[in-house]
N, C-alpha and C. Protein backbone atom coordinates (compact mmCIF):
# COMPACT_ATOMS: atom_id res chain seq x y z
N MET A 1 20.74 -33.58 -41.71
CA MET A 1 19.99 -34.21 -40.64
C MET A 1 20.65 -33.95 -39.29
N LYS A 2 22.02 -33.93 -39.28
CA LYS A 2 22.74 -33.68 -38.05
C LYS A 2 22.39 -32.30 -37.49
N HIS A 3 22.29 -31.29 -38.38
CA HIS A 3 21.96 -29.92 -37.96
C HIS A 3 20.54 -29.85 -37.40
N PHE A 4 19.65 -30.62 -38.02
CA PHE A 4 18.26 -30.63 -37.58
C PHE A 4 18.16 -31.18 -36.17
N ILE A 5 18.85 -32.27 -35.88
CA ILE A 5 18.84 -32.88 -34.56
C ILE A 5 19.48 -31.92 -33.55
N HIS A 6 20.59 -31.30 -33.90
CA HIS A 6 21.28 -30.36 -33.02
C HIS A 6 20.37 -29.16 -32.72
N TYR A 7 19.74 -28.62 -33.76
CA TYR A 7 18.85 -27.48 -33.61
C TYR A 7 17.69 -27.83 -32.67
N ASN A 8 17.07 -29.00 -32.87
CA ASN A 8 15.95 -29.42 -32.01
C ASN A 8 16.41 -29.65 -30.58
N ALA A 9 17.61 -30.16 -30.38
CA ALA A 9 18.13 -30.38 -29.03
C ALA A 9 18.33 -29.04 -28.32
N VAL A 10 18.87 -28.05 -29.02
CA VAL A 10 19.08 -26.72 -28.44
C VAL A 10 17.73 -26.09 -28.12
N LEU A 11 16.79 -26.19 -29.04
CA LEU A 11 15.45 -25.64 -28.84
C LEU A 11 14.77 -26.31 -27.65
N LEU A 12 14.85 -27.62 -27.55
CA LEU A 12 14.26 -28.36 -26.44
C LEU A 12 14.90 -27.94 -25.11
N ALA A 13 16.22 -27.79 -25.10
CA ALA A 13 16.92 -27.36 -23.88
C ALA A 13 16.47 -25.97 -23.47
N PHE A 14 16.28 -25.09 -24.46
CA PHE A 14 15.83 -23.72 -24.18
C PHE A 14 14.44 -23.74 -23.53
N PHE A 15 13.50 -24.46 -24.13
CA PHE A 15 12.14 -24.53 -23.58
C PHE A 15 12.12 -25.24 -22.24
N PHE A 16 12.95 -26.27 -22.05
CA PHE A 16 13.03 -26.96 -20.77
C PHE A 16 13.51 -25.99 -19.69
N GLY A 17 14.48 -25.18 -20.04
CA GLY A 17 15.01 -24.19 -19.08
C GLY A 17 13.95 -23.19 -18.68
N ILE A 18 13.18 -22.69 -19.65
CA ILE A 18 12.11 -21.73 -19.35
C ILE A 18 11.02 -22.40 -18.54
N ALA A 19 10.61 -23.58 -18.98
CA ALA A 19 9.50 -24.27 -18.33
C ALA A 19 9.83 -24.66 -16.90
N SER A 20 11.06 -25.10 -16.65
CA SER A 20 11.40 -25.51 -15.28
C SER A 20 11.51 -24.32 -14.35
N GLY A 21 11.64 -23.11 -14.92
CA GLY A 21 11.67 -21.90 -14.09
C GLY A 21 10.28 -21.41 -13.73
N SER A 22 9.24 -21.92 -14.39
CA SER A 22 7.87 -21.53 -14.05
C SER A 22 7.28 -22.55 -13.10
N ASP A 23 6.21 -22.19 -12.40
CA ASP A 23 5.56 -23.11 -11.48
C ASP A 23 5.04 -24.35 -12.21
N VAL A 24 4.38 -24.14 -13.36
CA VAL A 24 3.85 -25.26 -14.13
C VAL A 24 5.00 -26.11 -14.65
N GLY A 25 6.00 -25.47 -15.24
CA GLY A 25 7.15 -26.19 -15.77
C GLY A 25 7.89 -26.95 -14.68
N ALA A 26 8.00 -26.35 -13.52
CA ALA A 26 8.69 -27.01 -12.42
C ALA A 26 7.94 -28.27 -11.99
N ALA A 27 6.62 -28.18 -11.97
CA ALA A 27 5.82 -29.34 -11.60
C ALA A 27 5.97 -30.44 -12.65
N VAL A 28 5.96 -30.07 -13.92
CA VAL A 28 6.06 -31.04 -15.01
C VAL A 28 7.47 -31.62 -15.11
N PHE A 29 8.48 -30.76 -15.06
CA PHE A 29 9.85 -31.20 -15.29
C PHE A 29 10.63 -31.45 -14.00
N GLY A 30 9.98 -31.35 -12.85
CA GLY A 30 10.64 -31.69 -11.60
C GLY A 30 11.58 -30.62 -11.07
N GLY A 31 11.42 -29.40 -11.52
CA GLY A 31 12.26 -28.32 -11.02
C GLY A 31 11.86 -27.91 -9.61
N ILE A 32 12.71 -27.16 -8.96
CA ILE A 32 12.43 -26.70 -7.61
C ILE A 32 11.78 -25.32 -7.70
N ILE A 33 10.70 -25.14 -6.97
CA ILE A 33 10.03 -23.84 -6.93
C ILE A 33 10.60 -23.08 -5.74
N HIS A 34 11.22 -21.94 -6.02
CA HIS A 34 11.75 -21.09 -4.95
C HIS A 34 10.81 -19.91 -4.78
N GLU A 35 10.14 -19.85 -3.63
CA GLU A 35 9.24 -18.75 -3.36
C GLU A 35 9.97 -17.78 -2.43
N THR A 36 9.97 -16.51 -2.79
CA THR A 36 10.62 -15.52 -1.96
C THR A 36 9.78 -15.30 -0.71
N PRO A 37 10.37 -15.48 0.48
CA PRO A 37 9.58 -15.26 1.69
C PRO A 37 9.25 -13.77 1.84
N LYS A 38 8.06 -13.48 2.36
CA LYS A 38 7.64 -12.11 2.59
C LYS A 38 8.42 -11.57 3.80
N LYS A 39 8.88 -10.32 3.68
CA LYS A 39 9.57 -9.71 4.80
C LYS A 39 8.52 -9.15 5.76
N ILE A 40 8.60 -9.56 7.00
CA ILE A 40 7.67 -9.13 8.03
C ILE A 40 8.41 -8.16 8.95
N ILE A 41 7.78 -7.02 9.20
CA ILE A 41 8.37 -6.03 10.10
C ILE A 41 7.43 -5.91 11.29
N LYS A 42 7.98 -6.12 12.49
CA LYS A 42 7.18 -6.05 13.71
C LYS A 42 7.72 -4.95 14.61
N ALA A 43 6.84 -4.39 15.42
CA ALA A 43 7.27 -3.34 16.35
C ALA A 43 8.17 -3.96 17.42
N GLY A 44 7.71 -5.00 18.07
CA GLY A 44 8.52 -5.71 19.05
C GLY A 44 9.33 -4.81 19.98
N GLY A 45 8.71 -3.81 20.55
CA GLY A 45 9.40 -2.92 21.47
C GLY A 45 10.09 -1.73 20.82
N LYS A 46 10.12 -1.70 19.48
CA LYS A 46 10.71 -0.55 18.79
C LYS A 46 9.75 0.63 18.90
N PRO A 47 10.29 1.85 18.92
CA PRO A 47 9.39 3.01 18.99
C PRO A 47 8.56 3.16 17.72
N LEU A 48 7.32 3.60 17.90
CA LEU A 48 6.40 3.85 16.79
C LEU A 48 6.14 5.34 16.70
N LYS A 49 6.20 5.89 15.47
CA LYS A 49 5.92 7.31 15.29
C LYS A 49 5.10 7.48 14.02
N VAL A 50 3.87 7.97 14.19
CA VAL A 50 2.98 8.19 13.06
C VAL A 50 3.31 9.55 12.45
N ILE A 51 3.47 9.59 11.14
CA ILE A 51 3.80 10.82 10.40
C ILE A 51 2.52 11.50 9.92
N ASP A 52 1.65 10.71 9.29
CA ASP A 52 0.37 11.21 8.79
C ASP A 52 -0.57 10.01 8.70
N GLY A 53 -1.64 10.13 7.94
CA GLY A 53 -2.64 9.07 7.89
C GLY A 53 -2.29 7.83 7.11
N ASP A 54 -1.14 7.81 6.43
CA ASP A 54 -0.76 6.60 5.70
C ASP A 54 0.71 6.25 5.81
N SER A 55 1.42 6.89 6.74
CA SER A 55 2.84 6.53 6.92
C SER A 55 3.26 6.71 8.37
N PHE A 56 4.20 5.86 8.78
CA PHE A 56 4.70 5.89 10.14
C PHE A 56 6.05 5.18 10.19
N PHE A 57 6.71 5.30 11.32
CA PHE A 57 7.99 4.63 11.53
C PHE A 57 7.82 3.51 12.55
N ILE A 58 8.48 2.40 12.28
CA ILE A 58 8.70 1.35 13.27
C ILE A 58 10.22 1.39 13.47
N GLY A 59 10.64 1.92 14.60
CA GLY A 59 12.07 2.15 14.80
C GLY A 59 12.54 3.14 13.76
N LYS A 60 13.54 2.75 12.98
CA LYS A 60 14.07 3.64 11.93
C LYS A 60 13.51 3.31 10.54
N THR A 61 12.61 2.34 10.47
CA THR A 61 12.03 1.93 9.19
C THR A 61 10.75 2.70 8.93
N GLU A 62 10.72 3.45 7.82
CA GLU A 62 9.51 4.17 7.46
C GLU A 62 8.60 3.25 6.65
N ILE A 63 7.35 3.18 7.07
CA ILE A 63 6.34 2.34 6.45
C ILE A 63 5.31 3.23 5.75
N ARG A 64 4.96 2.89 4.53
CA ARG A 64 3.88 3.56 3.78
C ARG A 64 2.82 2.51 3.56
N LEU A 65 1.59 2.77 4.05
CA LEU A 65 0.51 1.80 3.91
C LEU A 65 0.14 1.62 2.44
N GLU A 66 0.18 0.39 1.98
CA GLU A 66 -0.06 0.06 0.58
C GLU A 66 -1.53 0.18 0.24
N GLY A 67 -1.82 0.75 -0.94
CA GLY A 67 -3.17 0.75 -1.47
C GLY A 67 -4.10 1.80 -0.93
N ILE A 68 -3.59 2.71 -0.09
CA ILE A 68 -4.44 3.77 0.43
C ILE A 68 -3.74 5.11 0.29
N ASP A 69 -4.51 6.19 0.33
CA ASP A 69 -3.94 7.54 0.27
C ASP A 69 -4.75 8.42 1.21
N ALA A 70 -4.13 8.86 2.29
CA ALA A 70 -4.79 9.69 3.29
C ALA A 70 -4.50 11.15 3.02
N PRO A 71 -5.38 12.04 3.49
CA PRO A 71 -5.11 13.47 3.33
C PRO A 71 -3.75 13.84 3.92
N GLU A 72 -3.10 14.79 3.29
CA GLU A 72 -1.80 15.27 3.78
C GLU A 72 -1.99 15.95 5.14
N TYR A 73 -0.95 15.97 5.94
CA TYR A 73 -1.05 16.45 7.32
C TYR A 73 -1.69 17.84 7.41
N PHE A 74 -1.31 18.78 6.55
CA PHE A 74 -1.85 20.14 6.62
C PHE A 74 -3.08 20.36 5.72
N GLN A 75 -3.59 19.29 5.13
CA GLN A 75 -4.73 19.40 4.23
C GLN A 75 -6.02 19.66 5.00
N GLU A 76 -6.87 20.52 4.43
CA GLU A 76 -8.19 20.77 4.99
C GLU A 76 -9.25 20.16 4.08
N CYS A 77 -10.33 19.71 4.70
CA CYS A 77 -11.49 19.20 3.98
C CYS A 77 -12.69 20.00 4.48
N TYR A 78 -13.86 19.70 3.93
CA TYR A 78 -15.08 20.42 4.32
C TYR A 78 -16.11 19.43 4.79
N ASP A 79 -16.74 19.72 5.94
CA ASP A 79 -17.75 18.82 6.49
C ASP A 79 -19.09 18.98 5.78
N ALA A 80 -20.12 18.34 6.30
CA ALA A 80 -21.45 18.36 5.68
C ALA A 80 -22.05 19.76 5.60
N GLU A 81 -21.64 20.65 6.54
CA GLU A 81 -22.14 22.04 6.53
C GLU A 81 -21.20 22.96 5.76
N ASP A 82 -20.24 22.39 5.06
CA ASP A 82 -19.25 23.12 4.27
C ASP A 82 -18.27 23.95 5.11
N ASN A 83 -18.05 23.51 6.34
CA ASN A 83 -17.07 24.16 7.21
C ASN A 83 -15.73 23.43 7.07
N PRO A 84 -14.63 24.19 6.97
CA PRO A 84 -13.32 23.54 6.86
C PRO A 84 -12.92 22.87 8.18
N TYR A 85 -12.21 21.75 8.03
CA TYR A 85 -11.65 21.08 9.22
C TYR A 85 -10.34 20.42 8.81
N PRO A 86 -9.44 20.19 9.75
CA PRO A 86 -8.11 19.63 9.44
C PRO A 86 -8.15 18.12 9.24
N CYS A 87 -8.60 17.69 8.07
CA CYS A 87 -8.76 16.25 7.81
C CYS A 87 -7.43 15.50 7.83
N GLY A 88 -6.34 16.16 7.45
CA GLY A 88 -5.03 15.51 7.50
C GLY A 88 -4.61 15.17 8.92
N LYS A 89 -4.87 16.10 9.83
CA LYS A 89 -4.55 15.86 11.25
C LYS A 89 -5.47 14.80 11.84
N LYS A 90 -6.74 14.80 11.40
CA LYS A 90 -7.68 13.77 11.87
C LYS A 90 -7.25 12.39 11.39
N ALA A 91 -6.77 12.30 10.15
CA ALA A 91 -6.31 11.02 9.61
C ALA A 91 -5.10 10.51 10.41
N LYS A 92 -4.21 11.43 10.76
CA LYS A 92 -3.04 11.04 11.56
C LYS A 92 -3.49 10.49 12.92
N LYS A 93 -4.44 11.16 13.56
CA LYS A 93 -4.94 10.70 14.87
C LYS A 93 -5.61 9.34 14.74
N ALA A 94 -6.34 9.12 13.65
CA ALA A 94 -7.00 7.83 13.43
C ALA A 94 -5.96 6.72 13.32
N LEU A 95 -4.88 6.98 12.58
CA LEU A 95 -3.84 5.97 12.43
C LEU A 95 -3.12 5.73 13.76
N GLU A 96 -2.91 6.79 14.52
CA GLU A 96 -2.26 6.63 15.85
C GLU A 96 -3.06 5.68 16.74
N LYS A 97 -4.39 5.70 16.63
CA LYS A 97 -5.24 4.81 17.42
C LYS A 97 -5.15 3.36 16.96
N LEU A 98 -4.76 3.16 15.70
CA LEU A 98 -4.72 1.81 15.14
C LEU A 98 -3.38 1.11 15.30
N VAL A 99 -2.30 1.87 15.43
CA VAL A 99 -0.97 1.23 15.55
C VAL A 99 -0.65 1.00 17.03
N SER A 100 0.00 -0.10 17.30
CA SER A 100 0.42 -0.43 18.66
C SER A 100 1.63 -1.35 18.59
N SER A 101 2.12 -1.75 19.72
CA SER A 101 3.30 -2.62 19.75
C SER A 101 3.01 -3.99 19.13
N ASN A 102 1.74 -4.31 18.89
CA ASN A 102 1.36 -5.58 18.25
C ASN A 102 1.40 -5.51 16.74
N ILE A 103 1.76 -4.36 16.17
CA ILE A 103 1.70 -4.18 14.72
C ILE A 103 2.64 -5.13 14.00
N ARG A 104 2.16 -5.61 12.88
CA ARG A 104 2.92 -6.55 12.03
C ARG A 104 2.69 -6.12 10.59
N CYS A 105 3.75 -5.77 9.88
CA CYS A 105 3.64 -5.28 8.50
C CYS A 105 4.33 -6.23 7.53
N GLU A 106 3.64 -6.53 6.44
CA GLU A 106 4.20 -7.39 5.40
C GLU A 106 4.65 -6.50 4.25
N LYS A 107 5.95 -6.51 4.00
CA LYS A 107 6.52 -5.67 2.94
C LYS A 107 6.05 -6.15 1.58
N ILE A 108 5.55 -5.19 0.78
CA ILE A 108 5.15 -5.47 -0.60
C ILE A 108 6.29 -5.03 -1.53
N THR A 109 6.79 -3.82 -1.32
CA THR A 109 7.85 -3.26 -2.15
C THR A 109 8.44 -2.05 -1.44
N ARG A 110 9.25 -1.30 -2.15
CA ARG A 110 9.73 0.01 -1.68
C ARG A 110 9.27 1.03 -2.71
N ASP A 111 8.96 2.24 -2.24
CA ASP A 111 8.55 3.28 -3.18
C ASP A 111 9.75 4.13 -3.58
N LYS A 112 9.51 5.14 -4.39
CA LYS A 112 10.60 5.98 -4.90
C LYS A 112 11.30 6.77 -3.80
N TYR A 113 10.66 6.87 -2.63
CA TYR A 113 11.28 7.56 -1.50
C TYR A 113 11.99 6.58 -0.57
N ARG A 114 12.08 5.32 -0.99
CA ARG A 114 12.75 4.24 -0.26
C ARG A 114 11.99 3.79 0.99
N ARG A 115 10.70 4.16 1.08
CA ARG A 115 9.88 3.70 2.20
C ARG A 115 9.43 2.27 1.91
N VAL A 116 9.25 1.50 2.96
CA VAL A 116 8.69 0.16 2.82
C VAL A 116 7.19 0.31 2.62
N VAL A 117 6.68 -0.20 1.52
CA VAL A 117 5.25 -0.18 1.23
C VAL A 117 4.71 -1.51 1.73
N ALA A 118 3.71 -1.44 2.64
CA ALA A 118 3.30 -2.66 3.33
C ALA A 118 1.81 -2.70 3.64
N ILE A 119 1.35 -3.92 3.87
CA ILE A 119 0.02 -4.18 4.43
C ILE A 119 0.28 -4.46 5.91
N CYS A 120 -0.39 -3.72 6.78
CA CYS A 120 -0.13 -3.84 8.22
C CYS A 120 -1.36 -4.32 8.97
N HIS A 121 -1.10 -5.10 10.00
CA HIS A 121 -2.17 -5.63 10.85
C HIS A 121 -1.86 -5.34 12.31
N ASN A 122 -2.91 -5.09 13.07
CA ASN A 122 -2.83 -5.01 14.52
C ASN A 122 -3.71 -6.15 15.00
N GLY A 123 -3.09 -7.25 15.34
CA GLY A 123 -3.85 -8.47 15.59
C GLY A 123 -4.44 -8.92 14.27
N LYS A 124 -5.75 -9.11 14.22
CA LYS A 124 -6.42 -9.52 12.98
C LYS A 124 -6.91 -8.33 12.16
N LEU A 125 -6.81 -7.13 12.71
CA LEU A 125 -7.31 -5.93 12.04
C LEU A 125 -6.35 -5.47 10.95
N ASN A 126 -6.84 -5.41 9.71
CA ASN A 126 -6.05 -4.88 8.60
C ASN A 126 -6.12 -3.35 8.70
N ILE A 127 -5.02 -2.73 9.06
CA ILE A 127 -4.97 -1.28 9.29
C ILE A 127 -5.23 -0.51 8.01
N ASN A 128 -4.68 -0.96 6.89
CA ASN A 128 -4.90 -0.29 5.60
C ASN A 128 -6.39 -0.20 5.31
N ARG A 129 -7.06 -1.34 5.40
CA ARG A 129 -8.50 -1.41 5.12
C ARG A 129 -9.28 -0.56 6.12
N GLU A 130 -8.90 -0.59 7.38
CA GLU A 130 -9.63 0.14 8.41
C GLU A 130 -9.55 1.65 8.20
N MET A 131 -8.40 2.16 7.76
CA MET A 131 -8.29 3.59 7.49
C MET A 131 -9.26 4.01 6.39
N VAL A 132 -9.41 3.17 5.38
CA VAL A 132 -10.34 3.47 4.28
C VAL A 132 -11.78 3.31 4.78
N ALA A 133 -12.05 2.26 5.54
CA ALA A 133 -13.40 2.01 6.06
C ALA A 133 -13.88 3.13 6.97
N GLN A 134 -12.96 3.74 7.72
CA GLN A 134 -13.32 4.86 8.60
C GLN A 134 -13.49 6.17 7.84
N GLY A 135 -13.14 6.16 6.55
CA GLY A 135 -13.23 7.39 5.76
C GLY A 135 -12.07 8.33 6.04
N GLN A 136 -10.97 7.80 6.52
CA GLN A 136 -9.79 8.61 6.81
C GLN A 136 -8.77 8.55 5.68
N ALA A 137 -9.06 7.75 4.66
CA ALA A 137 -8.18 7.61 3.49
C ALA A 137 -9.03 7.12 2.33
N VAL A 138 -8.53 7.33 1.12
CA VAL A 138 -9.20 6.79 -0.07
C VAL A 138 -8.44 5.54 -0.53
N ALA A 139 -9.13 4.68 -1.24
CA ALA A 139 -8.47 3.53 -1.86
C ALA A 139 -7.63 4.07 -3.00
N TYR A 140 -6.36 3.70 -3.03
CA TYR A 140 -5.43 4.19 -4.07
C TYR A 140 -5.51 3.22 -5.24
N LYS A 141 -6.52 3.42 -6.09
CA LYS A 141 -6.85 2.49 -7.16
C LYS A 141 -5.77 2.34 -8.22
N ARG A 142 -4.84 3.27 -8.26
CA ARG A 142 -3.74 3.17 -9.22
C ARG A 142 -2.88 1.94 -8.93
N TYR A 143 -2.84 1.54 -7.66
CA TYR A 143 -1.96 0.45 -7.26
C TYR A 143 -2.67 -0.85 -6.94
N THR A 144 -3.91 -0.78 -6.46
CA THR A 144 -4.66 -1.99 -6.12
C THR A 144 -6.14 -1.66 -6.00
N HIS A 145 -6.95 -2.69 -6.11
CA HIS A 145 -8.40 -2.53 -5.93
C HIS A 145 -8.86 -3.27 -4.67
N GLU A 146 -7.90 -3.62 -3.83
CA GLU A 146 -8.18 -4.41 -2.63
C GLU A 146 -9.09 -3.69 -1.64
N PHE A 147 -9.08 -2.36 -1.64
CA PHE A 147 -9.84 -1.61 -0.64
C PHE A 147 -11.02 -0.85 -1.23
N ASP A 148 -11.39 -1.16 -2.47
CA ASP A 148 -12.51 -0.48 -3.13
C ASP A 148 -13.82 -0.65 -2.36
N ASP A 149 -14.06 -1.88 -1.85
CA ASP A 149 -15.30 -2.13 -1.12
C ASP A 149 -15.38 -1.31 0.16
N ALA A 150 -14.25 -1.16 0.86
CA ALA A 150 -14.21 -0.36 2.09
C ALA A 150 -14.50 1.10 1.77
N GLU A 151 -13.96 1.59 0.64
CA GLU A 151 -14.23 2.97 0.24
C GLU A 151 -15.70 3.17 -0.12
N LYS A 152 -16.28 2.22 -0.84
CA LYS A 152 -17.70 2.34 -1.21
C LYS A 152 -18.58 2.41 0.03
N SER A 153 -18.26 1.60 1.02
CA SER A 153 -19.03 1.59 2.26
C SER A 153 -18.87 2.92 3.01
N ALA A 154 -17.65 3.42 3.15
CA ALA A 154 -17.40 4.69 3.84
C ALA A 154 -18.10 5.83 3.12
N ARG A 155 -18.07 5.79 1.82
CA ARG A 155 -18.72 6.83 1.00
C ARG A 155 -20.24 6.80 1.20
N ARG A 156 -20.81 5.60 1.16
CA ARG A 156 -22.25 5.43 1.33
C ARG A 156 -22.71 5.89 2.71
N LEU A 157 -21.90 5.60 3.74
CA LEU A 157 -22.24 5.96 5.12
C LEU A 157 -21.77 7.37 5.49
N LYS A 158 -21.13 8.06 4.53
CA LYS A 158 -20.63 9.43 4.74
C LYS A 158 -19.69 9.53 5.94
N LYS A 159 -18.77 8.58 6.01
CA LYS A 159 -17.79 8.56 7.10
C LYS A 159 -16.59 9.43 6.75
N GLY A 160 -16.00 10.06 7.77
CA GLY A 160 -14.76 10.81 7.60
C GLY A 160 -14.83 11.84 6.50
N ILE A 161 -13.89 11.75 5.58
CA ILE A 161 -13.80 12.73 4.48
C ILE A 161 -15.01 12.69 3.55
N TRP A 162 -15.77 11.59 3.58
CA TRP A 162 -16.93 11.45 2.71
C TRP A 162 -18.16 12.19 3.24
N GLN A 163 -18.05 12.80 4.43
CA GLN A 163 -19.19 13.55 4.99
C GLN A 163 -19.44 14.84 4.22
N GLY A 164 -18.43 15.35 3.56
CA GLY A 164 -18.56 16.61 2.83
C GLY A 164 -17.76 16.54 1.54
N ARG A 165 -16.93 17.56 1.34
CA ARG A 165 -16.12 17.57 0.11
C ARG A 165 -14.64 17.69 0.48
N PHE A 166 -13.81 17.20 -0.43
CA PHE A 166 -12.36 17.22 -0.22
C PHE A 166 -11.67 17.04 -1.56
N LEU A 167 -10.42 17.40 -1.57
CA LEU A 167 -9.57 17.19 -2.73
C LEU A 167 -8.82 15.89 -2.49
N LYS A 168 -8.85 14.98 -3.45
CA LYS A 168 -8.10 13.73 -3.26
C LYS A 168 -6.65 14.08 -2.93
N PRO A 169 -6.05 13.35 -2.00
CA PRO A 169 -4.69 13.67 -1.55
C PRO A 169 -3.67 13.80 -2.69
N GLU A 170 -3.75 12.95 -3.70
CA GLU A 170 -2.78 13.04 -4.79
C GLU A 170 -2.93 14.35 -5.55
N PHE A 171 -4.16 14.84 -5.71
CA PHE A 171 -4.38 16.13 -6.38
C PHE A 171 -3.94 17.28 -5.50
N TYR A 172 -4.15 17.14 -4.20
CA TYR A 172 -3.69 18.15 -3.24
C TYR A 172 -2.17 18.31 -3.35
N ARG A 173 -1.45 17.19 -3.42
CA ARG A 173 0.02 17.23 -3.53
C ARG A 173 0.45 17.90 -4.84
N ILE A 174 -0.23 17.58 -5.93
CA ILE A 174 0.09 18.18 -7.23
C ILE A 174 -0.12 19.69 -7.18
N LEU A 175 -1.26 20.10 -6.63
CA LEU A 175 -1.58 21.53 -6.53
C LEU A 175 -0.56 22.25 -5.65
N LYS A 176 -0.20 21.64 -4.55
CA LYS A 176 0.77 22.22 -3.62
C LYS A 176 2.13 22.38 -4.31
N LYS A 177 2.51 21.38 -5.09
CA LYS A 177 3.78 21.41 -5.81
C LYS A 177 3.77 22.52 -6.88
N GLN A 178 2.64 22.65 -7.59
CA GLN A 178 2.52 23.69 -8.62
C GLN A 178 2.62 25.08 -7.99
N LYS A 179 1.97 25.28 -6.85
CA LYS A 179 2.03 26.57 -6.17
C LYS A 179 3.45 26.88 -5.72
N LYS A 180 4.14 25.86 -5.25
CA LYS A 180 5.53 26.04 -4.80
C LYS A 180 6.42 26.40 -5.98
N ASN A 181 6.21 25.79 -7.14
CA ASN A 181 7.02 26.05 -8.33
C ASN A 181 6.76 27.43 -8.92
N GLN A 182 5.58 28.00 -8.65
CA GLN A 182 5.23 29.33 -9.17
C GLN A 182 5.90 30.45 -8.40
N LYS A 183 6.38 30.14 -7.22
CA LYS A 183 7.01 31.18 -6.38
C LYS A 183 8.38 31.53 -6.86
């Protein structure tokens, strides 16, 4: 009987420890909920430099817009008449128009290149969503579905890259890498 009581006490302590670490358990068992504050990055007078349609620098911090994928800087797309145009350079110019000293980015994570992956706003304007809505980037569905509606609208209205044909940026990068490896 002594072992049974000891075993149940250990088991109860184990479950109490797990439960108090969860939001529900903390509420039930009176534990403290520690929420990690979101890291906010602001321009605040720091220099801004746009790299391409989905990445830029705020000072020395490189930001990658979360949930979107814009054409690569040297990528070409085709318009409605099937004429090539520099869609990567157009995407960069579109992003340059959206970033300003009022920019505020909320860090989501870091990517494998150590860039800060973030959702950015210029005032109330969600820059990530706006790039997709303008047809200057695709919704990166592998990571989130937050911008799917903006992509559907841009596609329906034939905005930006949706006016003609293009290779999705991730496939363009793969193809470029394969060509480089063949040399």
